[in-house]
Amino acid sequence: MTTVRLNSADPVSFDTDALIVGFLSGPGGPSPATGAESLDAAFGGKLASSLTSVGFSGKPGELAKLPTFGSVTAPVLVAVGLGESPDAEGLRRAAGAAVRSLAGTARAALALPAGSAAEAEAVALGGLLGAYGFSRYRTGEGQKEPVSELTVLSGEDAAAGERAAILADAVTLVRDLVNTPPSDLWPAKFAEIAERTGAEHGLSVEVLDDKQLRDGGYGGLVGVGQGSVNPPRLVRLSYTHPEATKTLAYVGKGITFDSGGLSLKPSASMDWMKSDMGGAGAVFGALVGIARLGLPVNAIGYLCLAENLPSGTAQRPSDVIHSYSGKTVEVLDTDAEGRLVLMDGIARAAEDNPDLIVDVATLTGAQIVALGWRTAGVMANDDAVRELVVEAATAAGEGAWGMPLPEELRKGLDSPVADIANLQPERWGSMLAAGIFLKEFVPDGVRWAHIDMAGPAFNKGEAHGYTPKGGTGAFARTLIALAERHASI
């Protein structure tokens, strides 16, 4: 596990295995950023020109490693590009990329701009997220361990590093869950982890098993999970604060593996479906983070957990299920299962009388078609709520874009035998139609937002910035940010 601390020492004399230095780009070539001014003199004024000679220009995320030959105490210098004027996210990404490049190195110090608490936190958080590794199933042969000790060279208060560590731990919790194979993470196991970890951090935890779900009328969760030998669960996590005036409810899609059910996915679309519980993971990580930060807000999280498999007991296309809200749903496609578990979670969350409900889900492939792998779609029943979520996500460094809920798409969800169908017959606008479906289960007068993060939850490509390959831990930070904003109202 990687630790972080702040230290106001001079980077020239600081004892570490590798020194990370930020450089700005400009027409005259790279120049040391704030926090690294003293280094150029230590290199005889030739550090920038040496970097230029190896093709380094200072553009965002660019890296160059140089031996220091005793010019400074650290034996290795890592130059990372910051661009012309880095913001907090630019600092997070630069720190993450640099730390990620140092796998196999024990200690690293970051001499990046950290003259304010916000900058120091950004550098610390980016470094911690970049140091992430998931080696649970590796034998260790040829495996380089992440940097274990980070020092941010800053005169800011230690609180900035402590807050960064809490945020990083929340994201790491989600990443670990997403990366865990479904053979080791089924609904009851996820619920067990939530119970144990939640209790450790002062959360109240309630778990409904499959019998309680059937008796309670949770037809969506029961229907999706009935094809698996691993039955569904609904986990309710609760954090309260004596000074809170606002209550938030988060609902996460937690399909621990999604085969598509009887509407079977192609095999090429199935190998990364262990990530289909990323929404529940984000809610879980956020609740733990909110509790550790001690925010003066009430927060409730619902983890809607099921395994969607085909079998003789699986739900069938054309089945009609009774949702927790009382509405009936015709199941036209068993691979549109996420909205079925969320509809129960949303209806249950509304009973807590929250000021806002936010559901988070790896819901549709259409989100990836529309917005790509790094930008989530945000929909809401209130324009101000939608913009609030997008702003919180952007500030946290998580890509999000506001999307509409066109009324004309509702007709495509009409069913001849039930109140609503779980899928419209046409492909067009299917991300939006899924949001319209969920909106049907939000009671009048309740503020609600839906985050479709099918792409951002899992990185199938190469690592970049502070984002690793595999589980990303997406949107745990956004949910924490939303809680912070409501705590200050």
Protein backbone atom coordinates (compact mmCIF):
# COMPACT_ATOMS: atom_id res chain seq x y z
CA MET A 1 0.00 0.00 0.00
CA THR A 2 1.36 3.39 -1.01
CA THR A 3 1.65 6.14 1.61
CA VAL A 4 1.94 9.88 1.05
CA ARG A 5 3.24 12.77 3.15
CA LEU A 6 4.03 16.43 2.63
CA ASN A 7 7.47 17.89 3.28
CA SER A 8 8.77 21.42 2.70
CA ALA A 9 12.37 20.27 2.00
CA ASP A 10 14.39 21.54 -0.96
CA PRO A 11 14.15 19.04 -3.85
CA VAL A 12 17.91 19.41 -4.48
CA SER A 13 18.84 17.84 -1.15
CA PHE A 14 15.85 15.64 -0.45
CA ASP A 15 16.77 11.97 0.08
CA THR A 16 14.64 9.80 -2.23
CA ASP A 17 15.08 7.15 -4.92
CA ALA A 18 13.54 9.27 -7.69
CA LEU A 19 12.64 12.94 -8.00
CA ILE A 20 9.67 13.95 -10.15
CA VAL A 21 9.92 17.44 -11.61
CA GLY A 22 7.31 19.39 -13.56
CA PHE A 23 8.13 21.32 -16.73
CA LEU A 24 6.01 23.81 -18.60
CA SER A 25 5.93 23.93 -22.38
CA GLY A 26 6.48 27.14 -24.31
CA PRO A 27 7.90 28.62 -27.52
CA GLY A 28 11.35 28.73 -25.97
CA GLY A 29 11.27 25.06 -24.96
CA PRO A 30 10.57 23.42 -21.58
CA SER A 31 11.03 25.44 -18.40
CA PRO A 32 10.90 24.32 -14.75
CA ALA A 33 7.47 24.77 -13.16
CA THR A 34 6.87 26.20 -9.70
CA GLY A 35 8.49 23.97 -7.10
CA ALA A 36 11.44 23.01 -9.26
CA GLU A 37 13.21 26.35 -9.79
CA SER A 38 16.24 25.42 -7.67
CA LEU A 39 16.96 22.32 -9.72
CA ASP A 40 18.14 24.08 -12.85
CA ALA A 41 20.94 25.78 -10.94
CA ALA A 42 21.97 22.41 -9.47
CA PHE A 43 22.40 21.13 -13.02
CA GLY A 44 24.51 24.12 -14.00
CA GLY A 45 21.64 25.78 -15.82
CA LYS A 46 21.58 23.01 -18.40
CA LEU A 47 18.63 20.89 -17.24
CA ALA A 48 16.10 22.32 -19.69
CA SER A 49 18.53 22.11 -22.62
CA SER A 50 19.40 18.52 -21.70
CA LEU A 51 15.73 17.60 -21.80
CA THR A 52 15.28 19.37 -25.13
CA SER A 53 18.15 17.36 -26.58
CA VAL A 54 16.27 14.12 -25.88
CA GLY A 55 13.09 15.43 -27.51
CA PHE A 56 11.26 16.53 -24.36
CA SER A 57 9.05 19.58 -24.90
CA GLY A 58 6.92 19.74 -21.74
CA LYS A 59 3.63 18.85 -23.34
CA PRO A 60 1.04 17.34 -20.93
CA GLY A 61 1.92 13.84 -19.76
CA GLU A 62 5.26 13.69 -21.57
CA LEU A 63 7.97 11.87 -19.60
CA ALA A 64 11.76 11.79 -19.62
CA LYS A 65 14.11 10.02 -17.20
CA LEU A 66 17.62 11.27 -16.57
CA PRO A 67 20.42 10.15 -14.24
CA THR A 68 21.44 13.01 -11.96
CA PHE A 69 25.15 12.06 -11.61
CA GLY A 70 25.17 13.55 -8.11
CA SER A 71 23.85 16.97 -9.08
CA VAL A 72 21.05 16.39 -6.59
CA THR A 73 20.62 13.81 -3.84
CA ALA A 74 18.11 11.68 -5.78
CA PRO A 75 19.88 9.38 -8.27
CA VAL A 76 17.10 9.61 -10.90
CA LEU A 77 15.12 12.57 -12.15
CA VAL A 78 11.79 12.14 -13.90
CA ALA A 79 10.66 15.17 -15.90
CA VAL A 80 6.94 15.30 -16.57
CA GLY A 81 5.26 17.72 -18.93
CA LEU A 82 2.56 20.02 -17.58
CA GLY A 83 1.68 21.95 -20.72
CA GLU A 84 1.37 25.73 -20.68
CA SER A 85 -0.81 26.24 -17.60
CA PRO A 86 -1.86 23.10 -15.70
CA ASP A 87 -5.07 23.02 -13.68
CA ALA A 88 -5.78 20.60 -10.82
CA GLU A 89 -6.61 17.75 -13.18
CA GLY A 90 -3.46 18.43 -15.18
CA LEU A 91 -1.43 18.10 -11.99
CA ARG A 92 -3.24 14.88 -11.03
CA ARG A 93 -2.57 13.33 -14.43
CA ALA A 94 1.06 14.42 -14.52
CA ALA A 95 1.74 13.08 -11.04
CA GLY A 96 -0.02 9.84 -11.87
CA ALA A 97 1.85 9.27 -15.12
CA ALA A 98 5.21 9.96 -13.49
CA VAL A 99 4.60 7.72 -10.49
CA ARG A 100 3.25 4.96 -12.71
CA SER A 101 6.51 5.04 -14.70
CA LEU A 102 8.46 4.34 -11.51
CA ALA A 103 7.05 0.90 -10.73
CA GLY A 104 9.83 -1.05 -9.03
CA THR A 105 11.10 2.07 -7.23
CA ALA A 106 10.46 2.24 -3.49
CA ARG A 107 10.44 5.99 -2.82
CA ALA A 108 9.61 9.00 -4.96
CA ALA A 109 9.32 12.71 -4.29
CA LEU A 110 7.17 15.06 -6.35
CA ALA A 111 8.49 18.58 -6.97
CA LEU A 112 5.39 19.72 -8.84
CA PRO A 113 3.43 22.96 -8.32
CA ALA A 114 1.98 22.59 -4.81
CA GLY A 115 1.87 26.10 -3.44
CA SER A 116 -1.75 25.85 -2.34
CA ALA A 117 -3.73 23.21 -0.49
CA ALA A 118 -5.69 22.42 -3.67
CA GLU A 119 -2.51 21.93 -5.69
CA ALA A 120 -0.86 19.84 -2.98
CA GLU A 121 -3.94 17.63 -2.77
CA ALA A 122 -4.07 17.26 -6.56
CA VAL A 123 -0.42 16.19 -6.74
CA ALA A 124 -0.79 13.77 -3.83
CA LEU A 125 -4.01 12.26 -5.21
CA GLY A 126 -2.63 11.86 -8.71
CA GLY A 127 0.50 10.21 -7.37
CA LEU A 128 -1.45 7.79 -5.17
CA LEU A 129 -3.80 6.83 -7.99
CA GLY A 130 -0.87 6.38 -10.35
CA ALA A 131 0.79 4.05 -7.85
CA TYR A 132 -2.13 1.61 -8.00
CA GLY A 133 -1.43 -2.04 -8.77
CA PHE A 134 -3.59 -5.16 -8.67
CA SER A 135 -1.33 -8.16 -8.06
CA ARG A 136 -3.62 -10.43 -6.04
CA TYR A 137 -3.53 -13.19 -8.65
CA ARG A 138 0.09 -12.85 -9.79
CA THR A 139 2.85 -15.17 -8.65
CA GLY A 140 5.30 -12.30 -8.35
CA GLU A 141 7.74 -13.40 -11.05
CA GLY A 142 8.83 -10.35 -13.04
CA GLN A 143 6.23 -8.20 -11.31
CA LYS A 144 7.33 -4.68 -10.41
CA GLU A 145 5.74 -3.35 -7.25
CA PRO A 146 4.28 0.18 -7.30
CA VAL A 147 6.04 3.01 -5.52
CA SER A 148 5.40 2.45 -1.82
CA GLU A 149 6.31 5.87 -0.37
CA LEU A 150 5.44 9.24 -1.93
CA THR A 151 6.49 12.65 -0.67
CA VAL A 152 4.94 15.83 -2.04
CA LEU A 153 7.45 18.66 -1.64
CA SER A 154 5.18 21.40 -0.37
CA GLY A 155 4.88 23.74 2.59
CA GLU A 156 1.13 23.15 2.80
CA ASP A 157 -0.57 21.58 5.79
CA ALA A 158 -0.58 17.79 6.08
CA ALA A 159 -4.39 17.82 5.81
CA ALA A 160 -4.11 18.08 2.02
CA GLY A 161 -2.23 14.79 1.90
CA GLU A 162 -4.62 13.14 4.36
CA ARG A 163 -7.63 14.10 2.28
CA ALA A 164 -5.92 12.86 -0.88
CA ALA A 165 -5.23 9.53 0.82
CA ILE A 166 -8.91 9.11 1.76
CA LEU A 167 -10.03 9.85 -1.81
CA ALA A 168 -7.40 7.50 -3.23
CA ASP A 169 -8.45 4.73 -0.83
CA ALA A 170 -12.07 5.12 -1.96
CA VAL A 171 -11.06 4.80 -5.61
CA THR A 172 -8.72 1.89 -4.84
CA LEU A 173 -11.55 0.03 -3.11
CA VAL A 174 -13.64 0.31 -6.27
CA ARG A 175 -10.78 -0.64 -8.57
CA ASP A 176 -10.02 -3.76 -6.54
CA LEU A 177 -13.67 -4.86 -6.64
CA VAL A 178 -13.97 -4.28 -10.40
CA ASN A 179 -10.73 -6.16 -11.07
CA THR A 180 -11.73 -9.14 -8.92
CA PRO A 181 -12.88 -12.06 -11.10
CA PRO A 182 -16.55 -13.04 -10.80
CA SER A 183 -15.53 -16.43 -9.43
CA ASP A 184 -14.45 -14.52 -6.30
CA LEU A 185 -17.08 -11.77 -6.29
CA TRP A 186 -20.70 -12.90 -6.43
CA PRO A 187 -23.61 -10.95 -4.86
CA ALA A 188 -23.43 -12.51 -1.38
CA LYS A 189 -19.63 -12.08 -1.31
CA PHE A 190 -19.92 -8.42 -2.32
CA ALA A 191 -22.53 -7.95 0.40
CA GLU A 192 -20.21 -9.60 2.94
CA ILE A 193 -17.37 -7.22 1.99
CA ALA A 194 -19.74 -4.25 2.28
CA GLU A 195 -20.90 -5.39 5.71
CA ARG A 196 -17.38 -5.86 7.02
CA THR A 197 -15.79 -2.76 5.50
CA GLY A 198 -18.82 -0.58 6.15
CA ALA A 199 -18.84 -1.50 9.82
CA GLU A 200 -15.12 -0.72 10.08
CA HIS A 201 -15.87 2.85 9.02
CA GLY A 202 -18.98 3.43 11.09
CA LEU A 203 -21.60 2.79 8.42
CA SER A 204 -24.90 1.14 9.25
CA VAL A 205 -25.37 -1.83 6.93
CA GLU A 206 -28.50 -3.82 6.09
CA VAL A 207 -28.54 -6.74 3.65
CA LEU A 208 -31.66 -8.25 2.10
CA ASP A 209 -31.21 -11.82 0.85
CA ASP A 210 -33.13 -13.45 -2.00
CA LYS A 211 -36.03 -14.58 0.20
CA GLN A 212 -36.42 -11.12 1.69
CA LEU A 213 -36.27 -9.63 -1.80
CA ARG A 214 -39.03 -11.92 -3.03
CA ASP A 215 -41.17 -11.26 0.02
CA GLY A 216 -40.52 -7.52 -0.28
CA GLY A 217 -41.61 -7.29 -3.91
CA TYR A 218 -38.23 -6.50 -5.46
CA GLY A 219 -39.16 -8.11 -8.77
CA GLY A 220 -36.32 -6.55 -10.77
CA LEU A 221 -33.55 -7.87 -8.55
CA VAL A 222 -35.23 -11.26 -8.20
CA GLY A 223 -35.88 -11.58 -11.93
CA VAL A 224 -32.35 -10.70 -13.01
CA GLY A 225 -30.75 -12.96 -10.41
CA GLN A 226 -32.98 -16.00 -10.71
CA GLY A 227 -30.89 -17.66 -13.42
CA SER A 228 -27.80 -17.94 -11.23
CA VAL A 229 -26.92 -20.28 -8.38
CA ASN A 230 -25.62 -17.13 -6.69
CA PRO A 231 -28.82 -15.33 -5.65
CA PRO A 232 -29.21 -11.52 -5.57
CA ARG A 233 -28.74 -9.15 -2.67
CA LEU A 234 -29.71 -5.57 -1.85
CA VAL A 235 -27.28 -3.78 0.45
CA ARG A 236 -28.23 -0.54 2.18
CA LEU A 237 -25.35 1.51 3.59
CA SER A 238 -26.12 4.52 5.76
CA TYR A 239 -23.98 7.38 7.08
CA THR A 240 -25.48 10.06 9.31
CA HIS A 241 -24.04 13.22 10.82
CA PRO A 242 -25.56 15.13 13.75
CA GLU A 243 -25.15 18.48 11.95
CA ALA A 244 -26.53 17.32 8.60
CA THR A 245 -29.39 19.21 6.95
CA LYS A 246 -29.32 17.37 3.62
CA THR A 247 -29.70 13.71 2.69
CA LEU A 248 -28.33 12.10 -0.46
CA ALA A 249 -29.23 8.65 -1.76
CA TYR A 250 -26.93 6.83 -4.18
CA VAL A 251 -28.05 3.74 -6.10
CA GLY A 252 -25.47 1.53 -7.82
CA LYS A 253 -25.87 -1.16 -10.45
CA GLY A 254 -24.06 -4.23 -9.14
CA ILE A 255 -24.19 -7.00 -11.74
CA THR A 256 -21.22 -9.05 -10.58
CA PHE A 257 -21.14 -10.78 -13.95
CA ASP A 258 -23.32 -10.10 -16.97
CA SER A 259 -23.60 -12.81 -19.59
CA GLY A 260 -26.71 -11.16 -21.00
CA GLY A 261 -28.88 -13.93 -19.61
CA LEU A 262 -30.91 -15.80 -22.23
CA SER A 263 -30.36 -12.79 -24.54
CA LEU A 264 -26.74 -13.95 -24.54
CA LYS A 265 -23.95 -11.52 -25.34
CA PRO A 266 -21.33 -12.38 -27.98
CA SER A 267 -18.21 -13.77 -26.33
CA ALA A 268 -16.15 -10.75 -27.38
CA SER A 269 -18.48 -8.52 -25.37
CA MET A 270 -18.44 -10.72 -22.28
CA ASP A 271 -14.85 -11.00 -21.11
CA TRP A 272 -14.88 -7.64 -19.29
CA MET A 273 -18.37 -7.96 -17.83
CA LYS A 274 -16.91 -8.46 -14.37
CA SER A 275 -16.92 -4.64 -14.46
CA ASP A 276 -20.73 -4.49 -14.62
CA MET A 277 -20.81 -3.93 -10.86
CA GLY A 278 -18.79 -0.73 -11.17
CA GLY A 279 -21.77 1.46 -10.24
CA ALA A 280 -22.32 -0.38 -6.97
CA GLY A 281 -18.58 -0.23 -6.40
CA ALA A 282 -18.59 3.55 -6.87
CA VAL A 283 -21.46 3.94 -4.40
CA PHE A 284 -19.69 1.72 -1.86
CA GLY A 285 -16.38 3.56 -2.22
CA ALA A 286 -18.12 6.92 -1.96
CA LEU A 287 -19.97 5.99 1.25
CA VAL A 288 -16.71 4.86 2.86
CA GLY A 289 -14.99 8.06 1.71
CA ILE A 290 -17.82 10.28 2.98
CA ALA A 291 -17.70 8.56 6.37
CA ARG A 292 -13.93 8.89 6.65
CA LEU A 293 -14.07 12.57 5.73
CA GLY A 294 -16.78 13.11 8.37
CA LEU A 295 -18.87 15.29 6.06
CA PRO A 296 -21.86 17.02 7.68
CA VAL A 297 -24.39 15.36 5.40
CA ASN A 298 -26.52 12.22 5.52
CA ALA A 299 -25.70 9.70 2.80
CA ILE A 300 -27.40 6.42 1.94
CA GLY A 301 -26.13 3.94 -0.59
CA TYR A 302 -27.98 1.07 -2.23
CA LEU A 303 -25.97 -1.72 -3.87
CA CYS A 304 -28.26 -3.61 -6.28
CA LEU A 305 -26.38 -6.91 -6.60
CA ALA A 306 -27.19 -9.79 -8.96
CA GLU A 307 -25.50 -12.19 -11.36
CA ASN A 308 -27.12 -12.33 -14.81
CA LEU A 309 -26.73 -15.86 -16.19
CA PRO A 310 -28.69 -18.16 -18.51
CA SER A 311 -30.18 -21.35 -17.10
CA GLY A 312 -33.43 -23.26 -16.82
CA THR A 313 -34.54 -20.85 -14.10
CA ALA A 314 -33.49 -17.62 -15.85
CA GLN A 315 -36.07 -14.99 -16.74
CA ARG A 316 -37.22 -15.13 -20.36
CA PRO A 317 -37.84 -12.46 -22.97
CA SER A 318 -41.59 -11.67 -22.73
CA ASP A 319 -41.73 -12.32 -18.97
CA VAL A 320 -43.55 -9.67 -16.95
CA ILE A 321 -42.11 -8.72 -13.58
CA HIS A 322 -43.54 -6.67 -10.72
CA SER A 323 -41.20 -3.92 -9.58
CA TYR A 324 -40.81 -2.65 -6.03
CA SER A 325 -42.72 0.50 -7.02
CA GLY A 326 -45.72 -1.60 -8.07
CA LYS A 327 -45.31 -0.96 -11.80
CA THR A 328 -45.12 -3.98 -14.09
CA VAL A 329 -42.36 -4.39 -16.66
CA GLU A 330 -42.28 -6.58 -19.78
CA VAL A 331 -38.78 -7.96 -20.24
CA LEU A 332 -38.06 -7.82 -23.97
CA ASP A 333 -34.32 -8.34 -23.59
CA THR A 334 -32.67 -9.98 -20.60
CA ASP A 335 -29.43 -8.14 -21.43
CA ALA A 336 -31.15 -4.86 -20.51
CA GLU A 337 -30.96 -6.02 -16.92
CA GLY A 338 -29.22 -3.13 -15.21
CA ARG A 339 -32.27 -0.90 -15.38
CA LEU A 340 -34.34 -3.69 -13.81
CA VAL A 341 -32.25 -3.82 -10.65
CA LEU A 342 -31.89 -0.04 -10.54
CA MET A 343 -35.65 0.53 -10.77
CA ASP A 344 -36.07 -1.35 -7.49
CA GLY A 345 -33.17 0.48 -5.86
CA ILE A 346 -34.43 3.90 -6.95
CA ALA A 347 -37.96 3.23 -5.70
CA ARG A 348 -36.60 2.02 -2.36
CA ALA A 349 -34.24 4.99 -2.06
CA ALA A 350 -37.14 7.40 -2.55
CA GLU A 351 -38.66 6.10 0.69
CA ASP A 352 -35.74 7.68 2.57
CA ASN A 353 -37.01 11.14 1.48
CA PRO A 354 -33.62 12.26 0.17
CA ASP A 355 -32.90 15.70 -1.22
CA LEU A 356 -31.32 14.01 -4.23
CA ILE A 357 -31.09 10.52 -5.71
CA VAL A 358 -28.18 9.70 -8.01
CA ASP A 359 -27.92 6.31 -9.68
CA VAL A 360 -24.63 5.17 -11.17
CA ALA A 361 -24.40 2.36 -13.68
CA THR A 362 -22.44 0.72 -16.46
CA LEU A 363 -25.77 0.74 -18.24
CA THR A 364 -25.58 0.89 -22.04
CA GLY A 365 -23.16 0.23 -24.85
CA ALA A 366 -24.83 3.22 -26.48
CA GLN A 367 -23.04 5.47 -23.97
CA ILE A 368 -19.72 4.32 -25.42
CA VAL A 369 -20.97 4.84 -28.99
CA ALA A 370 -22.15 8.36 -28.17
CA LEU A 371 -19.44 9.63 -25.81
CA GLY A 372 -16.51 7.22 -25.98
CA TRP A 373 -14.63 5.38 -23.27
CA ARG A 374 -13.77 8.30 -20.99
CA THR A 375 -16.93 10.42 -20.81
CA ALA A 376 -20.08 9.41 -18.96
CA GLY A 377 -23.57 10.55 -19.91
CA VAL A 378 -25.53 12.41 -17.23
CA MET A 379 -29.33 12.62 -17.37
CA ALA A 380 -31.75 14.08 -14.83
CA ASN A 381 -35.35 15.09 -14.24
CA ASP A 382 -34.16 18.62 -13.46
CA ASP A 383 -31.77 20.67 -15.63
CA ALA A 384 -30.10 22.23 -12.58
CA VAL A 385 -29.45 18.80 -11.08
CA ARG A 386 -27.92 17.57 -14.32
CA GLU A 387 -25.56 20.54 -14.46
CA LEU A 388 -24.68 20.14 -10.78
CA VAL A 389 -23.57 16.54 -11.38
CA VAL A 390 -21.61 17.45 -14.50
CA GLU A 391 -19.86 20.31 -12.67
CA ALA A 392 -18.99 18.08 -9.71
CA ALA A 393 -17.62 15.39 -12.01
CA THR A 394 -15.57 17.88 -14.03
CA ALA A 395 -14.07 19.40 -10.88
CA ALA A 396 -13.16 15.90 -9.68
CA GLY A 397 -11.46 15.18 -12.99
CA GLU A 398 -14.03 12.66 -14.20
CA GLY A 399 -15.39 13.14 -17.72
CA ALA A 400 -19.14 13.75 -17.87
CA TRP A 401 -21.53 15.31 -20.37
CA GLY A 402 -25.11 16.35 -19.87
CA MET A 403 -27.64 14.52 -22.03
CA PRO A 404 -31.37 15.11 -22.62
CA LEU A 405 -34.36 12.88 -21.89
CA PRO A 406 -36.52 13.49 -25.01
CA GLU A 407 -40.20 12.91 -24.28
CA GLU A 408 -40.84 11.38 -27.70
CA LEU A 409 -38.66 8.37 -26.83
CA ARG A 410 -41.07 7.29 -24.07
CA LYS A 411 -43.51 5.86 -26.61
CA GLY A 412 -40.88 3.33 -27.70
CA LEU A 413 -41.09 1.77 -24.23
CA ASP A 414 -44.82 1.08 -24.43
CA SER A 415 -45.82 -2.53 -23.80
CA PRO A 416 -49.08 -4.20 -24.88
CA VAL A 417 -49.16 -6.32 -21.71
CA ALA A 418 -47.41 -4.31 -18.96
CA ASP A 419 -46.99 -0.75 -17.73
CA ILE A 420 -43.66 -0.40 -19.53
CA ALA A 421 -41.13 -2.46 -21.51
CA ASN A 422 -37.47 -2.63 -20.56
CA LEU A 423 -36.25 -1.90 -24.09
CA GLN A 424 -37.34 0.10 -27.08
CA PRO A 425 -37.34 -1.74 -30.44
CA GLU A 426 -35.02 0.76 -32.18
CA ARG A 427 -31.34 1.22 -31.39
CA TRP A 428 -31.32 4.98 -31.86
CA GLY A 429 -31.13 6.98 -28.67
CA SER A 430 -30.97 3.87 -26.52
CA MET A 431 -28.79 5.51 -23.84
CA LEU A 432 -31.46 8.18 -23.47
CA ALA A 433 -34.29 5.65 -23.57
CA ALA A 434 -32.65 3.79 -20.68
CA GLY A 435 -32.63 7.03 -18.71
CA ILE A 436 -36.29 7.60 -19.57
CA PHE A 437 -37.08 4.10 -18.32
CA LEU A 438 -35.41 4.81 -14.96
CA LYS A 439 -37.15 8.17 -14.67
CA GLU A 440 -40.48 6.28 -14.61
CA PHE A 441 -39.57 4.90 -11.18
CA VAL A 442 -38.66 8.25 -9.59
CA PRO A 443 -41.63 9.62 -7.61
CA ASP A 444 -42.91 13.09 -8.51
CA GLY A 445 -41.08 15.86 -6.70
CA VAL A 446 -37.88 13.87 -6.09
CA ARG A 447 -34.69 15.29 -7.62
CA TRP A 448 -32.85 12.56 -9.51
CA ALA A 449 -29.83 12.12 -11.77
CA HIS A 450 -28.57 9.12 -13.71
CA ILE A 451 -24.89 8.54 -14.61
CA ASP A 452 -24.22 6.06 -17.41
CA MET A 453 -20.52 5.22 -17.15
CA ALA A 454 -20.31 2.03 -19.21
CA GLY A 455 -17.06 3.19 -20.82
CA PRO A 456 -15.28 5.09 -18.02
CA ALA A 457 -15.65 2.28 -15.46
CA PHE A 458 -13.19 -0.04 -17.22
CA ASN A 459 -10.10 0.85 -19.24
CA LYS A 460 -9.61 -1.75 -21.95
CA GLY A 461 -6.72 0.20 -23.47
CA GLU A 462 -3.34 1.24 -22.17
CA ALA A 463 -2.87 3.05 -18.87
CA HIS A 464 -2.84 6.84 -19.09
CA GLY A 465 -2.27 9.58 -16.55
CA TYR A 466 -3.33 8.17 -13.18
CA THR A 467 -5.74 5.70 -14.82
CA PRO A 468 -4.59 2.07 -14.91
CA LYS A 469 -5.59 -0.65 -17.30
CA GLY A 470 -8.71 -2.44 -16.02
CA GLY A 471 -10.93 -1.07 -13.27
CA THR A 472 -10.72 2.71 -13.00
CA GLY A 473 -12.79 3.41 -9.87
CA ALA A 474 -14.75 5.97 -11.85
CA PHE A 475 -17.28 8.28 -10.19
CA ALA A 476 -16.59 7.48 -6.56
CA ARG A 477 -14.91 10.90 -6.39
CA THR A 478 -17.86 12.59 -8.09
CA LEU A 479 -20.29 11.14 -5.56
CA ILE A 480 -18.06 12.33 -2.71
CA ALA A 481 -17.89 15.77 -4.33
CA LEU A 482 -21.69 15.91 -4.54
CA ALA A 483 -21.91 15.09 -0.84
CA GLU A 484 -19.42 17.87 -0.07
CA ARG A 485 -21.46 20.37 -2.06
CA HIS A 486 -24.65 19.45 -0.24
CA ALA A 487 -22.84 19.55 3.10
CA SER A 488 -21.99 23.20 2.47
CA ILE A 489 -25.54 24.25 1.53
